[in-house]
N, C-alpha and C. Protein backbone atom coordinates (compact mmCIF):
# COMPACT_ATOMS: atom_id res chain seq x y z
N UNK A 1 -35.20 -1.33 35.58
CA UNK A 1 -35.00 -1.02 34.18
C UNK A 1 -33.98 -1.96 33.56
N UNK A 2 -34.20 -2.30 32.34
CA UNK A 2 -33.30 -3.20 31.63
C UNK A 2 -32.16 -2.40 31.02
N UNK A 3 -30.99 -2.99 30.99
CA UNK A 3 -29.82 -2.34 30.40
C UNK A 3 -29.38 -2.99 29.10
N UNK A 4 -30.21 -3.82 28.51
CA UNK A 4 -29.86 -4.51 27.27
C UNK A 4 -30.17 -3.58 26.10
N UNK A 5 -29.18 -3.33 25.20
CA UNK A 5 -29.44 -2.47 24.05
C UNK A 5 -30.50 -3.08 23.14
N UNK A 6 -31.35 -2.24 22.61
CA UNK A 6 -32.38 -2.67 21.69
C UNK A 6 -33.67 -3.08 22.38
N UNK A 7 -33.68 -3.17 23.68
CA UNK A 7 -34.87 -3.55 24.42
C UNK A 7 -35.57 -2.28 24.89
N UNK A 8 -36.93 -2.23 24.77
CA UNK A 8 -37.63 -1.02 25.22
C UNK A 8 -37.41 -0.78 26.71
N UNK A 9 -37.26 0.48 27.04
CA UNK A 9 -37.08 0.85 28.44
C UNK A 9 -38.11 1.90 28.81
N UNK A 10 -38.62 1.80 30.01
CA UNK A 10 -39.61 2.75 30.49
C UNK A 10 -38.92 3.94 31.14
N UNK A 11 -39.32 5.11 30.72
CA UNK A 11 -38.85 6.34 31.35
C UNK A 11 -40.07 7.02 31.97
N UNK A 12 -39.96 7.48 33.17
CA UNK A 12 -41.08 8.16 33.84
C UNK A 12 -40.79 9.65 33.90
N UNK A 13 -41.48 10.43 33.05
CA UNK A 13 -41.29 11.88 33.14
C UNK A 13 -41.93 12.41 34.42
N UNK A 14 -41.62 13.62 34.72
CA UNK A 14 -42.07 14.20 35.99
C UNK A 14 -43.58 14.41 36.05
N UNK A 15 -44.30 14.44 34.95
CA UNK A 15 -45.74 14.68 35.01
C UNK A 15 -46.55 13.42 35.18
N UNK A 16 -45.89 12.23 35.30
CA UNK A 16 -46.60 11.07 35.73
C UNK A 16 -46.89 10.02 34.69
N UNK A 17 -46.91 10.32 33.41
CA UNK A 17 -47.27 9.34 32.41
C UNK A 17 -46.01 8.66 31.87
N UNK A 18 -45.93 7.34 31.97
CA UNK A 18 -44.72 6.65 31.51
C UNK A 18 -44.62 6.65 29.97
N UNK A 19 -43.41 6.74 29.46
CA UNK A 19 -43.18 6.66 28.01
C UNK A 19 -42.17 5.56 27.75
N UNK A 20 -42.20 5.05 26.54
CA UNK A 20 -41.30 3.98 26.15
C UNK A 20 -40.30 4.53 25.15
N UNK A 21 -39.01 4.30 25.41
CA UNK A 21 -37.97 4.67 24.44
C UNK A 21 -37.17 3.43 24.10
N UNK A 22 -36.74 3.36 22.86
CA UNK A 22 -35.94 2.24 22.40
C UNK A 22 -34.53 2.76 22.16
N UNK A 23 -33.56 2.13 22.81
CA UNK A 23 -32.16 2.50 22.62
C UNK A 23 -31.51 1.43 21.75
N UNK A 24 -30.98 1.87 20.61
CA UNK A 24 -30.39 0.92 19.68
C UNK A 24 -28.90 0.77 19.95
N UNK A 25 -28.42 -0.41 19.70
CA UNK A 25 -26.99 -0.65 19.85
C UNK A 25 -26.26 -0.06 18.65
N UNK A 26 -25.01 0.34 18.85
CA UNK A 26 -24.27 0.90 17.73
C UNK A 26 -24.06 -0.15 16.64
N UNK A 27 -24.18 0.27 15.40
CA UNK A 27 -24.07 -0.63 14.27
C UNK A 27 -22.65 -0.56 13.73
N UNK A 28 -22.03 -1.69 13.56
CA UNK A 28 -20.71 -1.73 12.93
C UNK A 28 -20.88 -2.23 11.51
N UNK A 29 -20.17 -1.64 10.61
CA UNK A 29 -20.29 -1.99 9.20
C UNK A 29 -19.07 -2.79 8.75
N UNK A 30 -18.56 -3.65 9.57
CA UNK A 30 -17.39 -4.45 9.24
C UNK A 30 -17.84 -5.65 8.43
N UNK A 31 -17.30 -5.77 7.23
CA UNK A 31 -17.64 -6.90 6.38
C UNK A 31 -16.85 -8.12 6.82
N UNK A 32 -17.40 -9.29 6.59
CA UNK A 32 -16.64 -10.49 6.93
C UNK A 32 -15.43 -10.63 5.99
N UNK A 33 -14.34 -11.13 6.53
CA UNK A 33 -13.14 -11.28 5.71
C UNK A 33 -13.26 -12.50 4.81
N UNK A 34 -12.59 -12.43 3.68
CA UNK A 34 -12.62 -13.51 2.71
C UNK A 34 -11.19 -13.97 2.45
N UNK A 35 -10.97 -15.26 2.44
CA UNK A 35 -9.62 -15.76 2.20
C UNK A 35 -9.17 -15.48 0.77
N UNK A 36 -10.11 -15.42 -0.16
CA UNK A 36 -9.75 -15.09 -1.54
C UNK A 36 -9.22 -13.67 -1.62
N UNK A 37 -9.88 -12.75 -0.95
CA UNK A 37 -9.44 -11.37 -0.98
C UNK A 37 -8.17 -11.17 -0.16
N UNK A 38 -7.99 -11.95 0.89
CA UNK A 38 -6.72 -11.91 1.62
C UNK A 38 -5.59 -12.35 0.71
N UNK A 39 -5.87 -13.28 -0.15
CA UNK A 39 -4.87 -13.74 -1.12
C UNK A 39 -4.43 -12.62 -2.04
N UNK A 40 -5.37 -11.77 -2.46
CA UNK A 40 -5.02 -10.62 -3.29
C UNK A 40 -4.08 -9.67 -2.55
N UNK A 41 -4.38 -9.42 -1.29
CA UNK A 41 -3.54 -8.51 -0.52
C UNK A 41 -2.15 -9.08 -0.31
N UNK A 42 -2.08 -10.37 0.01
CA UNK A 42 -0.76 -11.00 0.17
C UNK A 42 -0.01 -11.06 -1.16
N UNK A 43 -0.73 -11.29 -2.25
CA UNK A 43 -0.11 -11.27 -3.57
C UNK A 43 0.51 -9.90 -3.84
N UNK A 44 -0.24 -8.84 -3.55
CA UNK A 44 0.29 -7.49 -3.74
C UNK A 44 1.52 -7.24 -2.89
N UNK A 45 1.53 -7.76 -1.67
CA UNK A 45 2.67 -7.56 -0.79
C UNK A 45 3.90 -8.32 -1.29
N UNK A 46 3.70 -9.55 -1.77
CA UNK A 46 4.83 -10.33 -2.28
C UNK A 46 5.38 -9.69 -3.55
N UNK A 47 4.50 -9.25 -4.43
CA UNK A 47 4.95 -8.55 -5.64
C UNK A 47 5.71 -7.29 -5.26
N UNK A 48 5.27 -6.62 -4.20
CA UNK A 48 5.97 -5.42 -3.75
C UNK A 48 7.39 -5.74 -3.28
N UNK A 49 7.56 -6.85 -2.56
CA UNK A 49 8.90 -7.26 -2.13
C UNK A 49 9.78 -7.53 -3.36
N UNK A 50 9.24 -8.24 -4.35
CA UNK A 50 10.01 -8.52 -5.56
C UNK A 50 10.35 -7.25 -6.33
N UNK A 51 9.37 -6.36 -6.46
CA UNK A 51 9.63 -5.10 -7.16
C UNK A 51 10.67 -4.27 -6.43
N UNK A 52 10.62 -4.28 -5.10
CA UNK A 52 11.62 -3.55 -4.33
C UNK A 52 13.02 -4.11 -4.56
N UNK A 53 13.11 -5.44 -4.59
CA UNK A 53 14.41 -6.06 -4.85
C UNK A 53 14.91 -5.73 -6.26
N UNK A 54 14.03 -5.81 -7.24
CA UNK A 54 14.41 -5.47 -8.61
C UNK A 54 14.82 -4.00 -8.72
N UNK A 55 14.09 -3.15 -8.05
CA UNK A 55 14.39 -1.72 -8.12
C UNK A 55 15.72 -1.43 -7.43
N UNK A 56 16.01 -2.10 -6.33
CA UNK A 56 17.29 -1.91 -5.66
C UNK A 56 18.44 -2.39 -6.55
N UNK A 57 18.23 -3.50 -7.25
CA UNK A 57 19.25 -3.99 -8.18
C UNK A 57 19.46 -3.00 -9.31
N UNK A 58 18.37 -2.44 -9.82
CA UNK A 58 18.48 -1.43 -10.88
C UNK A 58 19.24 -0.20 -10.37
N UNK A 59 19.00 0.17 -9.12
CA UNK A 59 19.73 1.29 -8.53
C UNK A 59 21.21 0.99 -8.41
N UNK A 60 21.55 -0.24 -8.00
CA UNK A 60 22.96 -0.62 -7.91
C UNK A 60 23.63 -0.62 -9.28
N UNK A 61 22.90 -1.08 -10.30
CA UNK A 61 23.46 -1.05 -11.66
C UNK A 61 23.71 0.38 -12.10
N UNK A 62 22.79 1.28 -11.80
CA UNK A 62 22.97 2.68 -12.18
C UNK A 62 24.15 3.30 -11.43
N UNK A 63 24.41 2.86 -10.22
CA UNK A 63 25.55 3.39 -9.46
C UNK A 63 26.88 2.83 -9.94
N UNK A 64 26.90 1.55 -10.31
CA UNK A 64 28.16 0.89 -10.61
C UNK A 64 28.52 0.94 -12.09
N UNK A 65 27.57 0.68 -12.98
CA UNK A 65 27.88 0.55 -14.41
C UNK A 65 27.05 1.54 -15.22
N UNK A 66 27.61 2.70 -15.44
CA UNK A 66 26.90 3.74 -16.18
C UNK A 66 26.81 3.42 -17.68
N UNK A 67 27.63 2.48 -18.16
CA UNK A 67 27.62 2.10 -19.57
C UNK A 67 26.50 1.11 -19.89
N UNK A 68 25.82 0.60 -18.88
CA UNK A 68 24.76 -0.39 -19.06
C UNK A 68 23.58 0.22 -19.83
N UNK A 69 23.28 1.47 -19.55
CA UNK A 69 22.13 2.13 -20.17
C UNK A 69 22.57 2.79 -21.47
N UNK A 70 21.67 2.83 -22.46
CA UNK A 70 22.01 3.37 -23.77
C UNK A 70 21.84 4.88 -23.84
N UNK A 71 21.13 5.45 -22.89
CA UNK A 71 20.86 6.89 -22.90
C UNK A 71 21.98 7.64 -22.21
N UNK A 72 22.38 8.77 -22.79
CA UNK A 72 23.40 9.59 -22.14
C UNK A 72 22.86 10.20 -20.86
N UNK A 73 23.73 10.47 -19.93
CA UNK A 73 23.32 10.98 -18.62
C UNK A 73 22.59 12.33 -18.72
N UNK A 74 23.03 13.19 -19.61
CA UNK A 74 22.40 14.51 -19.68
C UNK A 74 21.04 14.48 -20.39
N UNK A 75 20.60 13.30 -20.84
CA UNK A 75 19.30 13.18 -21.50
C UNK A 75 18.21 12.63 -20.58
N UNK A 76 18.56 12.40 -19.33
CA UNK A 76 17.56 11.90 -18.37
C UNK A 76 16.55 12.99 -18.05
N UNK A 77 15.38 12.59 -17.62
CA UNK A 77 14.28 13.52 -17.42
C UNK A 77 14.50 14.49 -16.26
N UNK A 78 14.62 14.00 -15.05
CA UNK A 78 14.65 14.90 -13.90
C UNK A 78 16.06 15.14 -13.38
N UNK A 79 16.82 14.09 -13.17
CA UNK A 79 18.18 14.23 -12.66
C UNK A 79 19.14 13.96 -13.80
N UNK A 80 20.23 14.68 -13.84
CA UNK A 80 21.13 14.54 -14.98
C UNK A 80 22.25 13.53 -14.73
N UNK A 81 22.16 12.73 -13.68
CA UNK A 81 23.21 11.75 -13.44
C UNK A 81 22.60 10.42 -13.04
N UNK A 82 23.26 9.36 -13.50
CA UNK A 82 22.80 8.02 -13.13
C UNK A 82 23.03 7.74 -11.66
N UNK A 83 24.00 8.40 -11.05
CA UNK A 83 24.25 8.20 -9.62
C UNK A 83 23.05 8.66 -8.79
N UNK A 84 22.47 9.78 -9.14
CA UNK A 84 21.29 10.27 -8.42
C UNK A 84 20.11 9.32 -8.60
N UNK A 85 19.89 8.88 -9.85
CA UNK A 85 18.82 7.92 -10.10
C UNK A 85 19.10 6.61 -9.39
N UNK A 86 20.37 6.21 -9.36
CA UNK A 86 20.72 4.96 -8.68
C UNK A 86 20.39 5.00 -7.20
N UNK A 87 20.73 6.10 -6.54
CA UNK A 87 20.39 6.24 -5.11
C UNK A 87 18.88 6.28 -4.90
N UNK A 88 18.18 6.97 -5.78
CA UNK A 88 16.72 7.05 -5.65
C UNK A 88 16.09 5.66 -5.78
N UNK A 89 16.51 4.90 -6.79
CA UNK A 89 15.97 3.56 -6.97
C UNK A 89 16.37 2.63 -5.82
N UNK A 90 17.58 2.77 -5.34
CA UNK A 90 18.04 1.92 -4.24
C UNK A 90 17.24 2.19 -2.97
N UNK A 91 17.02 3.45 -2.64
CA UNK A 91 16.26 3.80 -1.43
C UNK A 91 14.81 3.35 -1.55
N UNK A 92 14.18 3.63 -2.68
CA UNK A 92 12.78 3.22 -2.87
C UNK A 92 12.67 1.69 -2.85
N UNK A 93 13.64 1.00 -3.43
CA UNK A 93 13.62 -0.45 -3.44
C UNK A 93 13.73 -1.04 -2.05
N UNK A 94 14.63 -0.52 -1.24
CA UNK A 94 14.79 -1.03 0.13
C UNK A 94 13.53 -0.75 0.95
N UNK A 95 12.97 0.44 0.81
CA UNK A 95 11.73 0.75 1.53
C UNK A 95 10.57 -0.16 1.09
N UNK A 96 10.52 -0.47 -0.19
CA UNK A 96 9.47 -1.36 -0.68
C UNK A 96 9.63 -2.76 -0.11
N UNK A 97 10.85 -3.25 -0.01
CA UNK A 97 11.08 -4.58 0.56
C UNK A 97 10.67 -4.59 2.03
N UNK A 98 11.02 -3.57 2.77
CA UNK A 98 10.67 -3.51 4.20
C UNK A 98 9.16 -3.43 4.39
N UNK A 99 8.49 -2.58 3.62
CA UNK A 99 7.03 -2.45 3.75
C UNK A 99 6.33 -3.74 3.32
N UNK A 100 6.77 -4.34 2.22
CA UNK A 100 6.17 -5.60 1.78
C UNK A 100 6.37 -6.72 2.79
N UNK A 101 7.55 -6.78 3.40
CA UNK A 101 7.79 -7.79 4.43
C UNK A 101 6.92 -7.54 5.65
N UNK A 102 6.70 -6.27 6.00
CA UNK A 102 5.82 -5.96 7.13
C UNK A 102 4.39 -6.38 6.87
N UNK A 103 3.97 -6.31 5.62
CA UNK A 103 2.61 -6.73 5.27
C UNK A 103 2.51 -8.25 5.30
N UNK A 104 3.47 -8.93 4.68
CA UNK A 104 3.41 -10.39 4.58
C UNK A 104 3.58 -11.05 5.94
N UNK A 105 4.54 -10.59 6.72
CA UNK A 105 4.84 -11.26 7.98
C UNK A 105 3.88 -10.91 9.11
N UNK A 106 3.44 -9.66 9.19
CA UNK A 106 2.63 -9.24 10.32
C UNK A 106 1.25 -8.69 9.95
N UNK A 107 1.05 -8.31 8.71
CA UNK A 107 -0.24 -7.74 8.32
C UNK A 107 -0.50 -6.39 8.97
N UNK A 108 0.53 -5.61 9.14
CA UNK A 108 0.41 -4.32 9.83
C UNK A 108 -0.17 -3.24 8.92
N UNK A 109 -1.05 -2.43 9.49
CA UNK A 109 -1.69 -1.35 8.74
C UNK A 109 -0.66 -0.31 8.29
N UNK A 110 0.30 0.03 9.17
CA UNK A 110 1.31 1.03 8.81
C UNK A 110 2.12 0.55 7.61
N UNK A 111 2.39 -0.76 7.54
CA UNK A 111 3.15 -1.30 6.42
C UNK A 111 2.33 -1.23 5.14
N UNK A 112 1.03 -1.47 5.25
CA UNK A 112 0.17 -1.41 4.07
C UNK A 112 0.08 0.01 3.53
N UNK A 113 -0.10 0.99 4.41
CA UNK A 113 -0.17 2.39 3.98
C UNK A 113 1.18 2.82 3.40
N UNK A 114 2.26 2.44 4.06
CA UNK A 114 3.59 2.75 3.55
C UNK A 114 3.81 2.09 2.20
N UNK A 115 3.33 0.86 2.06
CA UNK A 115 3.46 0.16 0.79
C UNK A 115 2.73 0.85 -0.34
N UNK A 116 1.56 1.36 -0.07
CA UNK A 116 0.80 2.09 -1.10
C UNK A 116 1.55 3.35 -1.51
N UNK A 117 2.07 4.08 -0.53
CA UNK A 117 2.82 5.31 -0.83
C UNK A 117 4.10 4.99 -1.61
N UNK A 118 4.82 3.96 -1.18
CA UNK A 118 6.06 3.58 -1.85
C UNK A 118 5.78 3.11 -3.28
N UNK A 119 4.71 2.37 -3.49
CA UNK A 119 4.36 1.92 -4.85
C UNK A 119 4.04 3.12 -5.74
N UNK A 120 3.36 4.12 -5.19
CA UNK A 120 3.07 5.33 -5.98
C UNK A 120 4.36 6.08 -6.30
N UNK A 121 5.25 6.20 -5.32
CA UNK A 121 6.53 6.88 -5.57
C UNK A 121 7.35 6.10 -6.59
N UNK A 122 7.32 4.78 -6.50
CA UNK A 122 8.04 3.95 -7.46
C UNK A 122 7.51 4.15 -8.88
N UNK A 123 6.21 4.22 -9.02
CA UNK A 123 5.62 4.44 -10.35
C UNK A 123 6.04 5.79 -10.91
N UNK A 124 6.04 6.81 -10.08
CA UNK A 124 6.44 8.15 -10.54
C UNK A 124 7.93 8.17 -10.88
N UNK A 125 8.76 7.53 -10.05
CA UNK A 125 10.20 7.49 -10.32
C UNK A 125 10.48 6.76 -11.63
N UNK A 126 9.78 5.66 -11.86
CA UNK A 126 10.00 4.93 -13.10
C UNK A 126 9.44 5.66 -14.31
N UNK A 127 8.47 6.50 -14.11
CA UNK A 127 8.00 7.34 -15.21
C UNK A 127 9.10 8.32 -15.62
N UNK A 128 9.81 8.85 -14.64
CA UNK A 128 10.93 9.74 -14.95
C UNK A 128 12.12 9.01 -15.55
N UNK A 129 12.23 7.73 -15.30
CA UNK A 129 13.34 6.91 -15.78
C UNK A 129 13.00 6.18 -17.07
N UNK A 130 11.84 6.46 -17.63
CA UNK A 130 11.32 5.76 -18.80
C UNK A 130 12.24 5.85 -20.01
N UNK A 131 12.89 6.98 -20.21
CA UNK A 131 13.76 7.14 -21.38
C UNK A 131 15.00 6.26 -21.28
N UNK A 132 15.49 6.04 -20.09
CA UNK A 132 16.71 5.24 -19.92
C UNK A 132 16.44 3.75 -20.04
N UNK A 133 15.29 3.31 -19.58
CA UNK A 133 14.96 1.88 -19.59
C UNK A 133 13.46 1.72 -19.86
N UNK A 134 13.04 1.85 -21.12
CA UNK A 134 11.60 1.93 -21.41
C UNK A 134 10.80 0.66 -21.08
N UNK A 135 11.27 -0.50 -21.45
CA UNK A 135 10.51 -1.72 -21.23
C UNK A 135 10.45 -2.03 -19.73
N UNK A 136 11.59 -1.98 -19.08
CA UNK A 136 11.64 -2.29 -17.65
C UNK A 136 10.80 -1.31 -16.84
N UNK A 137 10.90 -0.03 -17.14
CA UNK A 137 10.13 0.98 -16.40
C UNK A 137 8.64 0.80 -16.61
N UNK A 138 8.24 0.44 -17.82
CA UNK A 138 6.82 0.20 -18.09
C UNK A 138 6.31 -1.00 -17.30
N UNK A 139 7.09 -2.05 -17.24
CA UNK A 139 6.70 -3.22 -16.45
C UNK A 139 6.59 -2.88 -14.96
N UNK A 140 7.55 -2.13 -14.44
CA UNK A 140 7.53 -1.76 -13.02
C UNK A 140 6.30 -0.90 -12.71
N UNK A 141 6.00 0.05 -13.60
CA UNK A 141 4.83 0.91 -13.39
C UNK A 141 3.55 0.06 -13.39
N UNK A 142 3.45 -0.90 -14.31
CA UNK A 142 2.27 -1.77 -14.36
C UNK A 142 2.12 -2.57 -13.08
N UNK A 143 3.20 -3.15 -12.61
CA UNK A 143 3.13 -3.92 -11.37
C UNK A 143 2.87 -3.04 -10.15
N UNK A 144 3.38 -1.81 -10.18
CA UNK A 144 3.07 -0.88 -9.08
C UNK A 144 1.58 -0.60 -9.01
N UNK A 145 0.93 -0.49 -10.16
CA UNK A 145 -0.52 -0.27 -10.18
C UNK A 145 -1.26 -1.48 -9.62
N UNK A 146 -0.80 -2.69 -9.94
CA UNK A 146 -1.41 -3.90 -9.39
C UNK A 146 -1.24 -3.94 -7.87
N UNK A 147 -0.06 -3.56 -7.39
CA UNK A 147 0.20 -3.54 -5.94
C UNK A 147 -0.72 -2.53 -5.25
N UNK A 148 -0.84 -1.34 -5.83
CA UNK A 148 -1.71 -0.32 -5.24
C UNK A 148 -3.15 -0.82 -5.19
N UNK A 149 -3.61 -1.45 -6.26
CA UNK A 149 -4.97 -2.00 -6.28
C UNK A 149 -5.15 -3.05 -5.18
N UNK A 150 -4.23 -4.00 -5.13
CA UNK A 150 -4.37 -5.10 -4.17
C UNK A 150 -4.35 -4.60 -2.73
N UNK A 151 -3.50 -3.62 -2.44
CA UNK A 151 -3.37 -3.15 -1.07
C UNK A 151 -4.48 -2.17 -0.67
N UNK A 152 -5.04 -1.44 -1.61
CA UNK A 152 -6.10 -0.51 -1.25
C UNK A 152 -7.47 -1.18 -1.21
N UNK A 153 -7.75 -2.04 -2.18
CA UNK A 153 -9.08 -2.64 -2.26
C UNK A 153 -9.21 -3.83 -1.30
N UNK A 154 -8.17 -4.62 -1.18
CA UNK A 154 -8.27 -5.86 -0.39
C UNK A 154 -7.37 -5.87 0.84
N UNK A 155 -6.62 -4.82 1.07
CA UNK A 155 -5.67 -4.82 2.17
C UNK A 155 -6.29 -4.81 3.54
N UNK A 156 -7.49 -4.27 3.68
CA UNK A 156 -8.12 -4.22 5.01
C UNK A 156 -8.39 -5.61 5.56
N UNK A 157 -8.45 -6.60 4.68
CA UNK A 157 -8.74 -7.96 5.12
C UNK A 157 -7.61 -8.58 5.93
N UNK A 158 -6.40 -8.03 5.80
CA UNK A 158 -5.26 -8.61 6.53
C UNK A 158 -4.75 -7.68 7.61
N UNK A 159 -5.45 -6.60 7.88
CA UNK A 159 -5.01 -5.64 8.89
C UNK A 159 -5.00 -6.26 10.28
N UNK A 160 -3.85 -6.22 10.90
CA UNK A 160 -3.73 -6.61 12.31
C UNK A 160 -3.36 -5.41 13.15
N UNK A 161 -3.47 -4.24 12.56
CA UNK A 161 -3.15 -2.96 13.17
C UNK A 161 -1.73 -2.91 13.54
């Protein structure tokens, strides 16, 4: 009997008449990778590193110079102090830099998934911070959406697990 997948094989049932069965090989639906689409994923990762750095700087500004923002502290959406927002932005920014670097340097799947989650958290955090810094928060939210798109639609092309 042949052991090659896809080749007919003879099976002899107990009543004597031979039958033919075809065993198919498992089908994989892996698309070929494209360097253009890999470029999108790397672009999203680099933008994520930059956004993380900018967000960390914004967090440091909120921690150090409360007079920088025109909005009073008690008028913020979720947290009533710039120190809390500063720590939130600083932590999200550092995590974004680490995840983006993991994507760019190694193409790791965990970094890509973490990057998508961090970009979503960053967009939500900047939505809450919109009153304090409207133009900057709107730009960050827009770039977070681009990062999420690039990493979800084209990120599988750079996965090295």
